[in-house]
Amino acid sequence: MSRTVNVNFKLDSEVKKRMEQACSDMGLSMSAAFTIFAKKVGRERRIPFEVSADPFYSESNIRYLEGIARDIREGKAHFGEHELIED
């Protein structure tokens, strides 16, 4: 029989709260949910869902958005009707 060990890590409190609620709704403890995840990763040798970067949060897009926000604050932004907007 295998021996259990404690694993400690930090989570944002709101993430933990939402996960606890989701697990509770499924009749699971967080420990059981993490055990399911760990077993699947160990068996399949992969993260069992797609992990990808959202391009919205890329460094280049963040810099672009910060530039737009700066232009708005400094009064340099010019807003007008887009050609796709119909009357």
N, C-alpha and C. Protein backbone atom coordinates (compact mmCIF):
# COMPACT_ATOMS: atom_id res chain seq x y z
N MET A 1 0.85 -1.18 0.00
CA MET A 1 0.00 0.00 0.00
C MET A 1 0.89 1.24 0.00
N SER A 2 0.52 2.20 -0.81
CA SER A 2 1.33 3.41 -0.90
C SER A 2 1.10 4.32 0.30
N ARG A 3 2.09 5.10 0.60
CA ARG A 3 2.04 6.03 1.72
C ARG A 3 1.65 7.40 1.22
N THR A 4 0.79 8.10 1.91
CA THR A 4 0.39 9.45 1.49
C THR A 4 1.37 10.47 2.06
N VAL A 5 1.55 11.55 1.32
CA VAL A 5 2.41 12.64 1.74
C VAL A 5 1.65 13.95 1.61
N ASN A 6 2.07 14.93 2.35
CA ASN A 6 1.48 16.26 2.23
C ASN A 6 2.21 17.04 1.15
N VAL A 7 1.46 17.78 0.36
CA VAL A 7 2.00 18.67 -0.66
C VAL A 7 1.43 20.05 -0.37
N ASN A 8 2.28 21.03 -0.25
CA ASN A 8 1.84 22.39 0.06
C ASN A 8 2.15 23.32 -1.09
N PHE A 9 1.19 24.16 -1.44
CA PHE A 9 1.42 25.20 -2.44
C PHE A 9 0.45 26.33 -2.17
N LYS A 10 0.71 27.48 -2.78
CA LYS A 10 -0.11 28.66 -2.55
C LYS A 10 -1.09 28.87 -3.69
N LEU A 11 -2.29 29.33 -3.34
CA LEU A 11 -3.33 29.69 -4.30
C LEU A 11 -3.87 31.05 -3.92
N ASP A 12 -4.29 31.80 -4.90
CA ASP A 12 -5.03 33.02 -4.65
C ASP A 12 -6.29 32.65 -3.86
N SER A 13 -6.64 33.44 -2.86
CA SER A 13 -7.77 33.08 -2.00
C SER A 13 -9.08 32.96 -2.77
N GLU A 14 -9.29 33.80 -3.78
CA GLU A 14 -10.53 33.71 -4.56
C GLU A 14 -10.55 32.45 -5.43
N VAL A 15 -9.39 32.08 -5.98
CA VAL A 15 -9.29 30.84 -6.76
C VAL A 15 -9.62 29.65 -5.86
N LYS A 16 -9.06 29.64 -4.66
CA LYS A 16 -9.31 28.55 -3.71
C LYS A 16 -10.80 28.48 -3.36
N LYS A 17 -11.39 29.62 -3.10
CA LYS A 17 -12.81 29.66 -2.74
C LYS A 17 -13.68 29.09 -3.86
N ARG A 18 -13.39 29.49 -5.12
CA ARG A 18 -14.19 28.99 -6.24
C ARG A 18 -13.98 27.49 -6.44
N MET A 19 -12.72 27.04 -6.25
CA MET A 19 -12.45 25.61 -6.41
C MET A 19 -13.13 24.81 -5.31
N GLU A 20 -13.09 25.29 -4.09
CA GLU A 20 -13.77 24.59 -2.99
C GLU A 20 -15.25 24.45 -3.29
N GLN A 21 -15.87 25.51 -3.81
CA GLN A 21 -17.29 25.46 -4.12
C GLN A 21 -17.57 24.47 -5.26
N ALA A 22 -16.75 24.53 -6.30
CA ALA A 22 -16.93 23.61 -7.43
C ALA A 22 -16.76 22.16 -6.97
N CYS A 23 -15.73 21.91 -6.18
CA CYS A 23 -15.50 20.55 -5.67
C CYS A 23 -16.68 20.09 -4.81
N SER A 24 -17.13 20.98 -3.95
CA SER A 24 -18.28 20.66 -3.09
C SER A 24 -19.51 20.31 -3.92
N ASP A 25 -19.73 21.08 -4.97
CA ASP A 25 -20.88 20.82 -5.86
C ASP A 25 -20.79 19.45 -6.52
N MET A 26 -19.56 18.95 -6.70
CA MET A 26 -19.34 17.63 -7.31
C MET A 26 -19.20 16.53 -6.28
N GLY A 27 -19.31 16.89 -4.99
CA GLY A 27 -19.17 15.91 -3.94
C GLY A 27 -17.74 15.48 -3.69
N LEU A 28 -16.79 16.37 -4.00
CA LEU A 28 -15.37 16.07 -3.83
C LEU A 28 -14.73 17.04 -2.86
N SER A 29 -13.65 16.61 -2.24
CA SER A 29 -12.81 17.53 -1.49
C SER A 29 -11.77 18.07 -2.47
N MET A 30 -11.12 19.16 -2.10
CA MET A 30 -10.04 19.67 -2.94
C MET A 30 -8.93 18.63 -3.03
N SER A 31 -8.68 17.94 -1.94
CA SER A 31 -7.63 16.91 -1.93
C SER A 31 -7.95 15.82 -2.95
N ALA A 32 -9.21 15.39 -2.99
CA ALA A 32 -9.61 14.36 -3.96
C ALA A 32 -9.46 14.87 -5.39
N ALA A 33 -9.83 16.13 -5.62
CA ALA A 33 -9.72 16.71 -6.96
C ALA A 33 -8.26 16.77 -7.40
N PHE A 34 -7.38 17.22 -6.51
CA PHE A 34 -5.96 17.28 -6.86
C PHE A 34 -5.39 15.88 -7.06
N THR A 35 -5.87 14.91 -6.29
CA THR A 35 -5.40 13.53 -6.46
C THR A 35 -5.81 13.00 -7.83
N ILE A 36 -7.04 13.28 -8.24
CA ILE A 36 -7.50 12.87 -9.57
C ILE A 36 -6.61 13.49 -10.64
N PHE A 37 -6.35 14.79 -10.50
CA PHE A 37 -5.49 15.51 -11.45
C PHE A 37 -4.10 14.87 -11.48
N ALA A 38 -3.50 14.64 -10.31
CA ALA A 38 -2.14 14.10 -10.24
C ALA A 38 -2.06 12.70 -10.85
N LYS A 39 -3.06 11.88 -10.59
CA LYS A 39 -3.07 10.52 -11.16
C LYS A 39 -3.16 10.56 -12.68
N LYS A 40 -3.99 11.45 -13.19
CA LYS A 40 -4.15 11.56 -14.64
C LYS A 40 -2.86 12.06 -15.29
N VAL A 41 -2.22 13.06 -14.68
CA VAL A 41 -0.95 13.56 -15.21
C VAL A 41 0.09 12.45 -15.19
N GLY A 42 0.17 11.73 -14.08
CA GLY A 42 1.14 10.65 -13.98
C GLY A 42 0.90 9.53 -14.97
N ARG A 43 -0.37 9.21 -15.21
CA ARG A 43 -0.72 8.13 -16.14
C ARG A 43 -0.51 8.55 -17.59
N GLU A 44 -0.93 9.76 -17.95
CA GLU A 44 -0.88 10.21 -19.34
C GLU A 44 0.38 10.99 -19.69
N ARG A 45 1.11 11.42 -18.65
CA ARG A 45 2.35 12.19 -18.84
C ARG A 45 2.10 13.47 -19.63
N ARG A 46 0.98 14.12 -19.32
CA ARG A 46 0.63 15.40 -19.94
C ARG A 46 -0.38 16.11 -19.04
N ILE A 47 -0.52 17.41 -19.23
CA ILE A 47 -1.58 18.15 -18.55
C ILE A 47 -2.88 17.73 -19.23
N PRO A 48 -3.88 17.31 -18.47
CA PRO A 48 -5.09 16.74 -19.10
C PRO A 48 -6.07 17.75 -19.67
N PHE A 49 -5.59 18.90 -20.03
CA PHE A 49 -6.40 19.91 -20.70
C PHE A 49 -5.45 20.83 -21.44
N GLU A 50 -5.99 21.60 -22.37
CA GLU A 50 -5.14 22.48 -23.17
C GLU A 50 -4.66 23.65 -22.33
N VAL A 51 -3.37 23.90 -22.39
CA VAL A 51 -2.78 25.06 -21.72
C VAL A 51 -2.18 25.92 -22.81
N SER A 52 -2.68 27.14 -22.92
CA SER A 52 -2.16 28.03 -23.95
C SER A 52 -2.19 29.46 -23.43
N ALA A 53 -1.41 30.28 -24.05
CA ALA A 53 -1.37 31.69 -23.68
C ALA A 53 -2.43 32.44 -24.47
N ASP A 54 -3.17 33.27 -23.78
CA ASP A 54 -4.16 34.12 -24.43
C ASP A 54 -3.40 35.30 -25.03
N PRO A 55 -3.44 35.47 -26.37
CA PRO A 55 -2.66 36.55 -26.99
C PRO A 55 -3.06 37.94 -26.48
N PHE A 56 -4.25 38.06 -25.92
CA PHE A 56 -4.66 39.36 -25.37
C PHE A 56 -3.69 39.81 -24.29
N TYR A 57 -3.14 38.86 -23.53
CA TYR A 57 -2.26 39.18 -22.41
C TYR A 57 -0.78 39.12 -22.78
N SER A 58 -0.47 39.08 -24.08
CA SER A 58 0.93 39.06 -24.49
C SER A 58 1.58 40.39 -24.14
N GLU A 59 2.90 40.36 -23.96
CA GLU A 59 3.61 41.59 -23.61
C GLU A 59 3.41 42.68 -24.65
N SER A 60 3.43 42.31 -25.93
CA SER A 60 3.28 43.33 -26.97
C SER A 60 1.89 43.95 -26.94
N ASN A 61 0.86 43.16 -26.69
CA ASN A 61 -0.50 43.72 -26.64
C ASN A 61 -0.69 44.57 -25.39
N ILE A 62 -0.10 44.15 -24.27
CA ILE A 62 -0.20 44.97 -23.05
C ILE A 62 0.46 46.33 -23.29
N ARG A 63 1.63 46.34 -23.92
CA ARG A 63 2.30 47.62 -24.24
C ARG A 63 1.42 48.47 -25.15
N TYR A 64 0.79 47.85 -26.16
CA TYR A 64 -0.08 48.56 -27.09
C TYR A 64 -1.27 49.19 -26.33
N LEU A 65 -1.91 48.39 -25.45
CA LEU A 65 -3.06 48.88 -24.69
C LEU A 65 -2.64 49.99 -23.72
N GLU A 66 -1.47 49.84 -23.10
CA GLU A 66 -0.98 50.90 -22.21
C GLU A 66 -0.74 52.18 -22.99
N GLY A 67 -0.26 52.07 -24.23
CA GLY A 67 -0.06 53.25 -25.08
C GLY A 67 -1.37 53.94 -25.39
N ILE A 68 -2.38 53.15 -25.70
CA ILE A 68 -3.71 53.73 -25.98
C ILE A 68 -4.24 54.42 -24.73
N ALA A 69 -4.11 53.77 -23.57
CA ALA A 69 -4.58 54.38 -22.32
C ALA A 69 -3.85 55.68 -22.05
N ARG A 70 -2.55 55.71 -22.30
CA ARG A 70 -1.76 56.92 -22.10
C ARG A 70 -2.25 58.02 -23.04
N ASP A 71 -2.49 57.68 -24.31
CA ASP A 71 -2.99 58.67 -25.28
C ASP A 71 -4.34 59.23 -24.85
N ILE A 72 -5.19 58.37 -24.30
CA ILE A 72 -6.50 58.83 -23.82
C ILE A 72 -6.32 59.80 -22.66
N ARG A 73 -5.48 59.43 -21.70
CA ARG A 73 -5.24 60.30 -20.53
C ARG A 73 -4.65 61.65 -20.95
N GLU A 74 -3.80 61.63 -21.95
CA GLU A 74 -3.13 62.87 -22.39
C GLU A 74 -3.92 63.63 -23.44
N GLY A 75 -5.10 63.14 -23.77
CA GLY A 75 -5.95 63.82 -24.74
C GLY A 75 -5.50 63.69 -26.18
N LYS A 76 -4.66 62.72 -26.45
CA LYS A 76 -4.12 62.53 -27.80
C LYS A 76 -4.96 61.56 -28.63
N ALA A 77 -5.87 60.87 -28.01
CA ALA A 77 -6.68 59.88 -28.74
C ALA A 77 -7.82 60.59 -29.46
N HIS A 78 -8.09 60.15 -30.68
CA HIS A 78 -9.17 60.73 -31.47
C HIS A 78 -10.16 59.62 -31.78
N PHE A 79 -11.38 59.82 -31.36
CA PHE A 79 -12.40 58.81 -31.57
C PHE A 79 -13.37 59.29 -32.65
N GLY A 80 -13.76 58.37 -33.49
CA GLY A 80 -14.72 58.70 -34.54
C GLY A 80 -15.52 57.48 -34.90
N GLU A 81 -16.49 57.70 -35.74
CA GLU A 81 -17.34 56.61 -36.17
C GLU A 81 -16.56 55.69 -37.08
N HIS A 82 -16.73 54.40 -36.89
CA HIS A 82 -16.08 53.41 -37.72
C HIS A 82 -16.89 53.24 -39.00
N GLU A 83 -16.22 52.94 -40.10
CA GLU A 83 -16.91 52.82 -41.38
C GLU A 83 -17.92 51.66 -41.41
N LEU A 84 -17.76 50.70 -40.50
CA LEU A 84 -18.70 49.58 -40.46
C LEU A 84 -19.98 49.92 -39.72
N ILE A 85 -20.00 51.04 -39.02
CA ILE A 85 -21.20 51.43 -38.28
C ILE A 85 -22.17 52.06 -39.26
N GLU A 86 -23.37 51.53 -39.26
CA GLU A 86 -24.40 52.04 -40.16
C GLU A 86 -25.35 52.96 -39.38
N ASP A 87 -25.86 53.95 -40.07
CA ASP A 87 -26.83 54.85 -39.44
C ASP A 87 -28.16 54.18 -39.28
